[in-house]
C-alpha atoms as a PDB file:
ATOM      1  CA  MET A   1      80.400 114.069  86.646  1.00  0.00           C
ATOM      2  CA  THR A   2      78.496 110.895  85.883  1.00  0.00           C
ATOM      3  CA  ALA A   3      79.748 107.398  85.157  1.00  0.00           C
ATOM      4  CA  PRO A   4      80.901 106.751  81.545  1.00  0.00           C
ATOM      5  CA  PRO A   5      77.902 106.442  79.232  1.00  0.00           C
ATOM      6  CA  THR A   6      76.923 103.135  77.727  1.00  0.00           C
ATOM      7  CA  ASP A   7      76.212 104.548  74.281  1.00  0.00           C
ATOM      8  CA  ALA A   8      79.277 106.721  73.639  1.00  0.00           C
ATOM      9  CA  PRO A   9      80.302 106.789  69.964  1.00  0.00           C
ATOM     10  CA  GLU A  10      83.960 106.201  70.815  1.00  0.00           C
ATOM     11  CA  ALA A  11      84.821 102.705  72.049  1.00  0.00           C
ATOM     12  CA  TRP A  12      85.383 102.395  75.799  1.00  0.00           C
ATOM     13  CA  THR A  13      88.711 100.597  75.739  1.00  0.00           C
ATOM     14  CA  VAL A  14      90.646  99.640  78.858  1.00  0.00           C
ATOM     15  CA  GLY A  15      92.968 102.599  78.340  1.00  0.00           C
ATOM     16  CA  ARG A  16      90.145 105.080  77.866  1.00  0.00           C
ATOM     17  CA  LEU A  17      88.283 103.801  80.914  1.00  0.00           C
ATOM     18  CA  ILE A  18      91.376 104.148  83.095  1.00  0.00           C
ATOM     19  CA  ASP A  19      92.038 107.714  81.895  1.00  0.00           C
ATOM     20  CA  TRP A  20      88.414 108.810  82.305  1.00  0.00           C
ATOM     21  CA  THR A  21      88.131 107.261  85.758  1.00  0.00           C
ATOM     22  CA  ARG A  22      91.413 108.778  86.922  1.00  0.00           C
ATOM     23  CA  ARG A  23      90.143 112.260  86.048  1.00  0.00           C
ATOM     24  CA  HIS A  24      86.768 111.576  87.607  1.00  0.00           C
ATOM     25  CA  LEU A  25      88.234 110.327  90.884  1.00  0.00           C
ATOM     26  CA  GLU A  26      90.694 113.217  90.996  1.00  0.00           C
ATOM     27  CA  SER A  27      87.733 115.601  90.690  1.00  0.00           C
ATOM     28  CA  ARG A  28      86.256 113.895  93.768  1.00  0.00           C
ATOM     29  CA  SER A  29      89.548 114.194  95.701  1.00  0.00           C
ATOM     30  CA  VAL A  30      90.094 110.429  95.830  1.00  0.00           C
ATOM     31  CA  ASP A  31      93.704 109.599  96.719  1.00  0.00           C
ATOM     32  CA  ASP A  32      95.865 107.714  94.206  1.00  0.00           C
ATOM     33  CA  ALA A  33      93.234 108.152  91.531  1.00  0.00           C
ATOM     34  CA  ARG A  34      95.027 106.295  88.735  1.00  0.00           C
ATOM     35  CA  LEU A  35      95.946 103.349  90.958  1.00  0.00           C
ATOM     36  CA  SER A  36      92.376 103.255  92.220  1.00  0.00           C
ATOM     37  CA  ALA A  37      91.035 103.249  88.666  1.00  0.00           C
ATOM     38  CA  GLU A  38      93.314 100.372  87.730  1.00  0.00           C
ATOM     39  CA  LEU A  39      92.430  98.324  90.795  1.00  0.00           C
ATOM     40  CA  LEU A  40      88.718  98.784  90.205  1.00  0.00           C
ATOM     41  CA  LEU A  41      88.888  97.885  86.518  1.00  0.00           C
ATOM     42  CA  ALA A  42      91.062  94.839  87.193  1.00  0.00           C
ATOM     43  CA  ALA A  43      88.536  93.659  89.781  1.00  0.00           C
ATOM     44  CA  ALA A  44      85.639  94.187  87.388  1.00  0.00           C
ATOM     45  CA  MET A  45      87.452  92.273  84.646  1.00  0.00           C
ATOM     46  CA  GLY A  46      88.664  89.510  86.967  1.00  0.00           C
ATOM     47  CA  CYS A  47      92.340  89.988  86.131  1.00  0.00           C
ATOM     48  CA  ARG A  48      95.530  91.297  87.713  1.00  0.00           C
ATOM     49  CA  ARG A  49      96.207  95.013  87.512  1.00  0.00           C
ATOM     50  CA  ILE A  50      99.352  94.410  85.472  1.00  0.00           C
ATOM     51  CA  ASP A  51      97.311  92.439  82.927  1.00  0.00           C
ATOM     52  CA  LEU A  52      95.299  95.530  82.025  1.00  0.00           C
ATOM     53  CA  TYR A  53      98.212  96.838  80.013  1.00  0.00           C
ATOM     54  CA  ALA A  54      98.291  93.748  77.832  1.00  0.00           C
ATOM     55  CA  ARG A  55      94.645  94.546  77.050  1.00  0.00           C
ATOM     56  CA  ILE A  56      94.961  98.331  76.862  1.00  0.00           C
ATOM     57  CA  ASP A  57      93.158  98.567  73.515  1.00  0.00           C
ATOM     58  CA  GLY A  58      90.633  95.864  74.350  1.00  0.00           C
ATOM     59  CA  GLN A  59      87.069  96.482  75.456  1.00  0.00           C
ATOM     60  CA  PRO A  60      85.496  95.055  78.615  1.00  0.00           C
ATOM     61  CA  THR A  61      82.226  93.225  78.208  1.00  0.00           C
ATOM     62  CA  ASP A  62      78.956  94.963  78.976  1.00  0.00           C
ATOM     63  CA  ALA A  63      78.726  93.072  82.265  1.00  0.00           C
ATOM     64  CA  GLN A  64      82.265  94.072  83.226  1.00  0.00           C
ATOM     65  CA  ARG A  65      81.575  97.705  82.399  1.00  0.00           C
ATOM     66  CA  ALA A  66      78.386  97.648  84.465  1.00  0.00           C
ATOM     67  CA  ALA A  67      80.260  96.231  87.444  1.00  0.00           C
ATOM     68  CA  PHE A  68      82.999  98.814  86.937  1.00  0.00           C
ATOM     69  CA  ARG A  69      80.497 101.697  86.907  1.00  0.00           C
ATOM     70  CA  ASP A  70      79.093 100.563  90.248  1.00  0.00           C
ATOM     71  CA  MET A  71      82.582 100.372  91.728  1.00  0.00           C
ATOM     72  CA  VAL A  72      83.509 103.839  90.440  1.00  0.00           C
ATOM     73  CA  ARG A  73      80.371 105.331  91.972  1.00  0.00           C
ATOM     74  CA  ALA A  74      81.279 103.806  95.334  1.00  0.00           C
ATOM     75  CA  ALA A  75      84.876 105.056  95.094  1.00  0.00           C
ATOM     76  CA  ALA A  76      83.662 108.568  94.254  1.00  0.00           C
ATOM     77  CA  GLU A  77      81.729 108.475  97.543  1.00  0.00           C
ATOM     78  CA  HIS A  78      85.043 107.736  99.289  1.00  0.00           C
ATOM     79  CA  ARG A  79      84.317 104.117 100.070  1.00  0.00           C
ATOM     80  CA  PRO A  80      87.768 102.528 100.492  1.00  0.00           C
ATOM     81  CA  ILE A  81      89.017 100.818  97.355  1.00  0.00           C
ATOM     82  CA  ALA A  82      90.075  97.775  99.374  1.00  0.00           C
ATOM     83  CA  TYR A  83      86.512  97.251 100.576  1.00  0.00           C
ATOM     84  CA  ILE A  84      85.109  97.711  97.073  1.00  0.00           C
ATOM     85  CA  VAL A  85      87.406  95.100  95.520  1.00  0.00           C
ATOM     86  CA  GLY A  86      87.492  92.952  98.670  1.00  0.00           C
ATOM     87  CA  ARG A  87      91.245  92.578  98.907  1.00  0.00           C
ATOM     88  CA  ARG A  88      94.466  94.355  99.859  1.00  0.00           C
ATOM     89  CA  GLU A  89      98.128  93.500  99.325  1.00  0.00           C
ATOM     90  CA  PHE A  90     100.281  93.346 102.457  1.00  0.00           C
ATOM     91  CA  TYR A  91     103.880  92.165 102.634  1.00  0.00           C
ATOM     92  CA  SER A  92     103.519  90.969  98.997  1.00  0.00           C
ATOM     93  CA  LEU A  93     100.601  88.749  99.999  1.00  0.00           C
ATOM     94  CA  ASP A  94      96.970  89.106  98.990  1.00  0.00           C
ATOM     95  CA  PHE A  95      94.492  89.495 101.876  1.00  0.00           C
ATOM     96  CA  LEU A  96      90.721  89.316 101.924  1.00  0.00           C
ATOM     97  CA  VAL A  97      89.304  92.440 103.563  1.00  0.00           C
ATOM     98  CA  THR A  98      85.793  93.552 104.426  1.00  0.00           C
ATOM     99  CA  PRO A  99      84.414  96.457 106.508  1.00  0.00           C
ATOM    100  CA  ASP A 100      84.759  94.131 109.529  1.00  0.00           C
ATOM    101  CA  VAL A 101      88.545  94.596 109.515  1.00  0.00           C
ATOM    102  CA  LEU A 102      90.990  97.456 109.387  1.00  0.00           C
ATOM    103  CA  ILE A 103      92.598  97.781 105.959  1.00  0.00           C
ATOM    104  CA  PRO A 104      96.259  96.664 106.179  1.00  0.00           C
ATOM    105  CA  ARG A 105      98.723  99.518 105.664  1.00  0.00           C
ATOM    106  CA  PRO A 106     102.306  99.464 104.360  1.00  0.00           C
ATOM    107  CA  GLU A 107     103.676 100.915 107.608  1.00  0.00           C
ATOM    108  CA  THR A 108     102.399  97.886 109.518  1.00  0.00           C
ATOM    109  CA  GLU A 109     104.804  95.745 107.500  1.00  0.00           C
ATOM    110  CA  LEU A 110     107.478  97.082 109.865  1.00  0.00           C
ATOM    111  CA  ILE A 111     106.073  94.826 112.577  1.00  0.00           C
ATOM    112  CA  VAL A 112     106.454  91.775 110.341  1.00  0.00           C
ATOM    113  CA  GLU A 113     110.019  92.817 109.514  1.00  0.00           C
ATOM    114  CA  ARG A 114     110.859  93.035 113.230  1.00  0.00           C
ATOM    115  CA  ILE A 115     109.285  89.626 113.919  1.00  0.00           C
ATOM    116  CA  CYS A 116     111.277  87.964 111.164  1.00  0.00           C
ATOM    117  CA  ALA A 117     114.493  89.707 112.197  1.00  0.00           C
ATOM    118  CA  TRP A 118     114.065  88.688 115.845  1.00  0.00           C
ATOM    119  CA  CYS A 119     113.467  85.060 114.874  1.00  0.00           C
ATOM    120  CA  ARG A 120     116.616  85.050 112.739  1.00  0.00           C
ATOM    121  CA  GLU A 121     118.600  86.560 115.597  1.00  0.00           C
ATOM    122  CA  HIS A 122     117.212  83.996 118.075  1.00  0.00           C
ATOM    123  CA  PRO A 123     117.153  80.731 116.099  1.00  0.00           C
ATOM    124  CA  ALA A 124     114.897  78.007 117.481  1.00  0.00           C
ATOM    125  CA  ASP A 125     112.660  75.241 116.218  1.00  0.00           C
ATOM    126  CA  ARG A 126     109.643  77.138 117.521  1.00  0.00           C
ATOM    127  CA  HIS A 127     108.829  80.773 118.229  1.00  0.00           C
ATOM    128  CA  ASP A 128     105.542  81.464 120.026  1.00  0.00           C
ATOM    129  CA  LEU A 129     103.912  84.673 118.814  1.00  0.00           C
ATOM    130  CA  LEU A 130     100.920  86.574 120.194  1.00  0.00           C
ATOM    131  CA  ASP A 131      99.198  89.034 117.850  1.00  0.00           C
ATOM    132  CA  ILE A 132      96.792  91.241 119.838  1.00  0.00           C
ATOM    133  CA  GLY A 133      93.965  92.726 117.748  1.00  0.00           C
ATOM    134  CA  THR A 134      94.715  90.692 114.643  1.00  0.00           C
ATOM    135  CA  GLY A 135      91.964  92.098 112.402  1.00  0.00           C
ATOM    136  CA  SER A 136      92.487  90.578 108.949  1.00  0.00           C
ATOM    137  CA  GLY A 137      95.285  88.437 110.401  1.00  0.00           C
ATOM    138  CA  CYS A 138      97.833  90.148 108.181  1.00  0.00           C
ATOM    139  CA  ILE A 139     100.650  90.401 110.754  1.00  0.00           C
ATOM    140  CA  ALA A 140     100.494  86.855 112.121  1.00  0.00           C
ATOM    141  CA  ILE A 141      99.893  85.331 108.691  1.00  0.00           C
ATOM    142  CA  ALA A 142     102.670  87.223 106.927  1.00  0.00           C
ATOM    143  CA  ALA A 143     105.073  86.339 109.748  1.00  0.00           C
ATOM    144  CA  ALA A 144     104.085  82.667 109.579  1.00  0.00           C
ATOM    145  CA  VAL A 145     104.482  82.603 105.784  1.00  0.00           C
ATOM    146  CA  ARG A 146     107.980  84.101 106.016  1.00  0.00           C
ATOM    147  CA  THR A 147     109.169  82.250 109.134  1.00  0.00           C
ATOM    148  CA  ASN A 148     108.440  78.534 109.440  1.00  0.00           C
ATOM    149  CA  SER A 149     109.205  78.420 113.170  1.00  0.00           C
ATOM    150  CA  ILE A 150     106.286  80.739 114.034  1.00  0.00           C
ATOM    151  CA  ARG A 151     103.412  79.289 116.047  1.00  0.00           C
ATOM    152  CA  ALA A 152     100.913  82.056 116.661  1.00  0.00           C
ATOM    153  CA  VAL A 153      97.917  82.923 118.766  1.00  0.00           C
ATOM    154  CA  ALA A 154      95.998  85.742 117.050  1.00  0.00           C
ATOM    155  CA  THR A 155      93.205  87.420 118.993  1.00  0.00           C
ATOM    156  CA  ASP A 156      90.497  89.946 118.341  1.00  0.00           C
ATOM    157  CA  ILE A 157      87.377  91.113 120.141  1.00  0.00           C
ATOM    158  CA  SER A 158      85.417  90.894 116.865  1.00  0.00           C
ATOM    159  CA  GLU A 159      84.147  87.483 115.756  1.00  0.00           C
ATOM    160  CA  PRO A 160      83.516  88.738 112.181  1.00  0.00           C
ATOM    161  CA  ALA A 161      87.138  89.900 112.028  1.00  0.00           C
ATOM    162  CA  LEU A 162      88.342  86.499 113.256  1.00  0.00           C
ATOM    163  CA  SER A 163      86.299  84.848 110.506  1.00  0.00           C
ATOM    164  CA  ILE A 164      88.109  86.933 107.882  1.00  0.00           C
ATOM    165  CA  ALA A 165      91.480  86.192 109.501  1.00  0.00           C
ATOM    166  CA  ARG A 166      90.803  82.446 109.438  1.00  0.00           C
ATOM    167  CA  GLN A 167      89.954  82.622 105.745  1.00  0.00           C
ATOM    168  CA  ASN A 168      93.190  84.478 105.060  1.00  0.00           C
ATOM    169  CA  ALA A 169      95.190  81.892 107.018  1.00  0.00           C
ATOM    170  CA  GLU A 170      93.616  79.099 104.979  1.00  0.00           C
ATOM    171  CA  LYS A 171      94.335  80.975 101.772  1.00  0.00           C
ATOM    172  CA  HIS A 172      98.014  81.298 102.649  1.00  0.00           C
ATOM    173  CA  ARG A 173      98.274  77.735 104.013  1.00  0.00           C
ATOM    174  CA  VAL A 174      99.346  78.638 107.543  1.00  0.00           C
ATOM    175  CA  ALA A 175      96.079  77.903 109.370  1.00  0.00           C
ATOM    176  CA  GLU A 176      97.594  74.892 111.138  1.00  0.00           C
ATOM    177  CA  ARG A 177     100.186  77.170 112.767  1.00  0.00           C
ATOM    178  CA  ILE A 178      97.868  79.961 113.920  1.00  0.00           C
ATOM    179  CA  ARG A 179      95.203  79.687 116.594  1.00  0.00           C
ATOM    180  CA  PHE A 180      92.576  82.397 116.276  1.00  0.00           C
ATOM    181  CA  ALA A 181      90.663  83.244 119.430  1.00  0.00           C
ATOM    182  CA  ALA A 182      88.267  85.864 120.750  1.00  0.00           C
ATOM    183  CA  ALA A 183      89.885  88.009 123.442  1.00  0.00           C
ATOM    184  CA  ASP A 184      89.609  91.563 124.705  1.00  0.00           C
ATOM    185  CA  GLY A 185      93.045  93.066 124.245  1.00  0.00           C
ATOM    186  CA  PRO A 186      95.703  91.444 126.449  1.00  0.00           C
ATOM    187  CA  ASP A 187      93.108  89.591 128.560  1.00  0.00           C
ATOM    188  CA  LEU A 188      93.787  86.027 127.420  1.00  0.00           C
ATOM    189  CA  ALA A 189      92.417  82.791 128.780  1.00  0.00           C
ATOM    190  CA  ASP A 190      95.100  80.688 130.436  1.00  0.00           C
ATOM    191  CA  ASP A 191      94.836  77.928 127.839  1.00  0.00           C
ATOM    192  CA  LEU A 192      95.916  80.351 125.114  1.00  0.00           C
ATOM    193  CA  ILE A 193      99.251  81.075 126.784  1.00  0.00           C
ATOM    194  CA  PRO A 194     102.032  78.557 126.070  1.00  0.00           C
ATOM    195  CA  ALA A 195     104.247  77.168 128.812  1.00  0.00           C
ATOM    196  CA  GLY A 196     106.846  79.818 129.508  1.00  0.00           C
ATOM    197  CA  SER A 197     104.690  82.493 127.838  1.00  0.00           C
ATOM    198  CA  PHE A 198     105.249  84.006 124.391  1.00  0.00           C
ATOM    199  CA  ASP A 199     108.562  84.721 122.706  1.00  0.00           C
ATOM    200  CA  LEU A 200     107.015  87.650 120.850  1.00  0.00           C
ATOM    201  CA  VAL A 201     104.001  89.834 121.616  1.00  0.00           C
ATOM    202  CA  VAL A 202     102.973  92.219 118.834  1.00  0.00           C
ATOM    203  CA  SER A 203     100.098  94.573 118.215  1.00  0.00           C
ATOM    204  CA  ASN A 204      98.849  97.214 115.820  1.00  0.00           C
ATOM    205  CA  PRO A 205      96.317  98.511 118.352  1.00  0.00           C
ATOM    206  CA  PRO A 206      93.732 101.277 118.105  1.00  0.00           C
ATOM    207  CA  TYR A 207      95.616 104.542 118.658  1.00  0.00           C
ATOM    208  CA  VAL A 208      93.530 107.405 117.261  1.00  0.00           C
ATOM    209  CA  ALA A 209      92.301 109.896 119.859  1.00  0.00           C
ATOM    210  CA  GLU A 210      88.544 110.404 119.993  1.00  0.00           C
ATOM    211  CA  ARG A 211      89.102 114.135 119.723  1.00  0.00           C
ATOM    212  CA  ASP A 212      90.723 113.564 116.313  1.00  0.00           C
ATOM    213  CA  ARG A 213      87.761 111.650 114.880  1.00  0.00           C
ATOM    214  CA  ALA A 214      86.428 114.576 112.846  1.00  0.00           C
ATOM    215  CA  SER A 215      89.818 115.256 111.266  1.00  0.00           C
ATOM    216  CA  LEU A 216      90.226 111.755 109.817  1.00  0.00           C
ATOM    217  CA  PRO A 217      89.749 111.296 106.082  1.00  0.00           C
ATOM    218  CA  ALA A 218      86.168 110.338 105.260  1.00  0.00           C
ATOM    219  CA  ASN A 219      87.210 106.997 103.757  1.00  0.00           C
ATOM    220  CA  VAL A 220      88.715 106.044 107.120  1.00  0.00           C
ATOM    221  CA  ARG A 221      86.296 107.680 109.558  1.00  0.00           C
ATOM    222  CA  ASP A 222      83.109 106.619 107.828  1.00  0.00           C
ATOM    223  CA  TYR A 223      83.970 103.093 106.729  1.00  0.00           C
ATOM    224  CA  GLU A 224      86.688 101.394 108.787  1.00  0.00           C
ATOM    225  CA  PRO A 225      85.717  99.734 112.106  1.00  0.00           C
ATOM    226  CA  ALA A 226      85.766 102.276 114.917  1.00  0.00           C
ATOM    227  CA  ALA A 227      86.891  99.664 117.464  1.00  0.00           C
ATOM    228  CA  ALA A 228      90.100  99.211 115.472  1.00  0.00           C
ATOM    229  CA  LEU A 229      90.763 102.950 115.259  1.00  0.00           C
ATOM    230  CA  PHE A 230      89.863 104.819 118.445  1.00  0.00           C
ATOM    231  CA  ALA A 231      91.415 104.474 121.887  1.00  0.00           C
ATOM    232  CA  GLY A 232      90.119 107.024 124.347  1.00  0.00           C
ATOM    233  CA  ASP A 233      90.537 110.764 124.604  1.00  0.00           C
ATOM    234  CA  ASP A 234      94.291 110.699 123.997  1.00  0.00           C
ATOM    235  CA  GLY A 235      94.609 107.601 121.802  1.00  0.00           C
ATOM    236  CA  LEU A 236      96.751 105.783 124.386  1.00  0.00           C
ATOM    237  CA  ALA A 237      94.153 103.707 126.237  1.00  0.00           C
ATOM    238  CA  PHE A 238      94.982 100.435 124.502  1.00  0.00           C
ATOM    239  CA  PHE A 239      98.714 100.885 125.069  1.00  0.00           C
ATOM    240  CA  ARG A 240      98.051 101.278 128.780  1.00  0.00           C
ATOM    241  CA  ARG A 241      96.075  98.034 128.781  1.00  0.00           C
ATOM    242  CA  ILE A 242      98.844  96.139 127.010  1.00  0.00           C
ATOM    243  CA  ALA A 243     101.446  97.568 129.391  1.00  0.00           C
ATOM    244  CA  ALA A 244      99.396  96.413 132.376  1.00  0.00           C
ATOM    245  CA  GLY A 245      99.078  92.876 131.015  1.00  0.00           C
ATOM    246  CA  VAL A 246     102.331  92.211 129.212  1.00  0.00           C
ATOM    247  CA  ASP A 247     104.094  90.724 132.280  1.00  0.00           C
ATOM    248  CA  ARG A 248     101.806  87.726 132.121  1.00  0.00           C
ATOM    249  CA  LEU A 249     102.251  87.245 128.395  1.00  0.00           C
ATOM    250  CA  LEU A 250     105.929  87.723 127.576  1.00  0.00           C
ATOM    251  CA  ARG A 251     108.693  85.347 128.607  1.00  0.00           C
ATOM    252  CA  THR A 252     112.067  86.455 129.904  1.00  0.00           C
ATOM    253  CA  GLY A 253     114.242  87.611 127.034  1.00  0.00           C
ATOM    254  CA  GLY A 254     111.179  87.991 124.823  1.00  0.00           C
ATOM    255  CA  THR A 255     110.267  90.965 122.668  1.00  0.00           C
ATOM    256  CA  LEU A 256     107.279  93.297 122.387  1.00  0.00           C
ATOM    257  CA  VAL A 257     106.640  95.093 119.067  1.00  0.00           C
ATOM    258  CA  LEU A 258     104.013  97.835 118.689  1.00  0.00           C
ATOM    259  CA  GLU A 259     102.792 100.188 115.999  1.00  0.00           C
ATOM    260  CA  VAL A 260     102.188 103.743 117.228  1.00  0.00           C
ATOM    261  CA  GLY A 261     100.556 106.818 115.758  1.00  0.00           C
ATOM    262  CA  ALA A 262     102.162 110.047 114.630  1.00  0.00           C
ATOM    263  CA  GLY A 263     103.884 111.785 117.518  1.00  0.00           C
ATOM    264  CA  GLN A 264     103.063 109.028 120.032  1.00  0.00           C
ATOM    265  CA  ALA A 265     106.451 107.308 120.340  1.00  0.00           C
ATOM    266  CA  ASP A 266     107.686 109.226 123.388  1.00  0.00           C
ATOM    267  CA  ARG A 267     104.434 108.848 125.311  1.00  0.00           C
ATOM    268  CA  VAL A 268     104.043 105.169 124.494  1.00  0.00           C
ATOM    269  CA  GLU A 269     107.620 104.418 125.492  1.00  0.00           C
ATOM    270  CA  GLU A 270     107.032 106.197 128.789  1.00  0.00           C
ATOM    271  CA  ILE A 271     103.933 104.071 129.463  1.00  0.00           C
ATOM    272  CA  PHE A 272     105.878 100.846 128.984  1.00  0.00           C
ATOM    273  CA  THR A 273     109.035 101.882 130.832  1.00  0.00           C
ATOM    274  CA  GLN A 274     106.924 102.843 133.852  1.00  0.00           C
ATOM    275  CA  LYS A 275     105.448  99.328 133.967  1.00  0.00           C
ATOM    276  CA  SER A 276     108.448  97.108 133.169  1.00  0.00           C
ATOM    277  CA  THR A 277     112.232  97.037 133.034  1.00  0.00           C
ATOM    278  CA  TRP A 278     113.522  96.441 129.528  1.00  0.00           C
ATOM    279  CA  ALA A 279     116.930  95.240 128.384  1.00  0.00           C
ATOM    280  CA  SER A 280     116.622  97.364 125.235  1.00  0.00           C
ATOM    281  CA  ARG A 281     114.257  99.760 123.507  1.00  0.00           C
ATOM    282  CA  ARG A 282     114.359 100.601 119.807  1.00  0.00           C
ATOM    283  CA  ARG A 283     112.359 102.746 117.404  1.00  0.00           C
ATOM    284  CA  PHE A 284     111.854 102.238 113.686  1.00  0.00           C
ATOM    285  CA  CYS A 285     110.676 104.749 111.107  1.00  0.00           C
ATOM    286  CA  ASP A 286     108.366 104.172 108.173  1.00  0.00           C
ATOM    287  CA  LEU A 287     109.188 105.304 104.625  1.00  0.00           C
ATOM    288  CA  ALA A 288     107.952 108.800 105.459  1.00  0.00           C
ATOM    289  CA  GLY A 289     110.497 109.057 108.277  1.00  0.00           C
ATOM    290  CA  MET A 290     107.871 108.829 111.017  1.00  0.00           C
ATOM    291  CA  GLU A 291     108.627 106.874 114.179  1.00  0.00           C
ATOM    292  CA  ARG A 292     106.061 104.165 113.648  1.00  0.00           C
ATOM    293  CA  THR A 293     107.229 100.994 115.414  1.00  0.00           C
ATOM    294  CA  LEU A 294     108.570 100.474 118.939  1.00  0.00           C
ATOM    295  CA  GLN A 295     110.390  97.326 120.039  1.00  0.00           C
ATOM    296  CA  PHE A 296     111.109  96.377 123.647  1.00  0.00           C
ATOM    297  CA  VAL A 297     113.157  93.389 124.833  1.00  0.00           C
ATOM    298  CA  LEU A 298     112.905  91.918 128.332  1.00  0.00           C
ATOM    299  CA  PRO A 299     116.108  91.055 130.188  1.00  0.00           C
ATOM    300  CA  ALA A 300     116.997  87.371 129.863  1.00  0.00           C
ATOM    301  CA  ASP A 301     117.396  87.171 133.639  1.00  0.00           C
ATOM    302  CA  ASP A 302     114.111  88.935 134.418  1.00  0.00           C
ATOM    303  CA  PRO A 303     113.009  87.758 137.900  1.00  0.00           C
ATOM    304  CA  ARG A 304     109.320  87.316 137.179  1.00  0.00           C
ATOM    305  CA  GLY A 305     109.494  83.543 137.164  1.00  0.00           C
ATOM    306  CA  ALA A 306     108.765  82.541 133.570  1.00  0.00           C
ATOM    307  CA  VAL A 307     109.271  78.869 132.880  1.00  0.00           C
ATOM    308  CA  PRO A 308     112.632  78.250 131.129  1.00  0.00           C
ATOM    309  CA  ARG A 309     112.375  77.037 127.552  1.00  0.00           C
END
């Protein structure tokens, strides 16, 4: 099926374009075809998706239709919609995204929820947060927007990703509370670690096994950054690195929050309980009922010598 013709006798209204594109994308096995059609048309018309329905009988300009056709062609080739439109909503906030960063997912919002809950349960004027592998910056930025006490260090091995994260922090007016820095996983320079270490260490790390690469959807496998997806033969390599380095990063009584992949919760918990003694361990499920987020809390009287706050 080709893109909608430019000389069709029937007017190409907003409503007709959405319906045609939904069917076209469904024929190409694109997920959430109607939502995708709406997002693409809203981007082409420079409006919010909800505003399309106030213009349902209106006609986009020729330039808007041309831009829309290009976007639909890209979507039909399974290019992620977020990369086509250059943005993605996360925790009710709008984030700039490019192929340099992993596309934020709804399940990752669980990490932000745990950060905010922990800060409420441990009130203080300041909470020092470390976000390992920040990507677009969505976790640290959303946490800082929702919790004024957050002071974050957000790291990534990718300088292009850090550039996107900085732009997102500026957009959401929290740049003065987040320090973005290049770092390889948990290997931080000493000057990035606050006195007494961090109150919270969080990460949505790479956790896809290399052996599962071929089974990933094409829009993920072929377009999202491999360094943010794959973590060794079993998908656990990055968790092992964090477990080996967390003692240096997390203060006594502090909390560690991690996103894990499907079926990984038991193995990841075992990795971290072998390395450290925790006062508590909790698991949280996403909306599909999958154990997606693990939270560990260090004992307040941990003997490792962190500086008292």
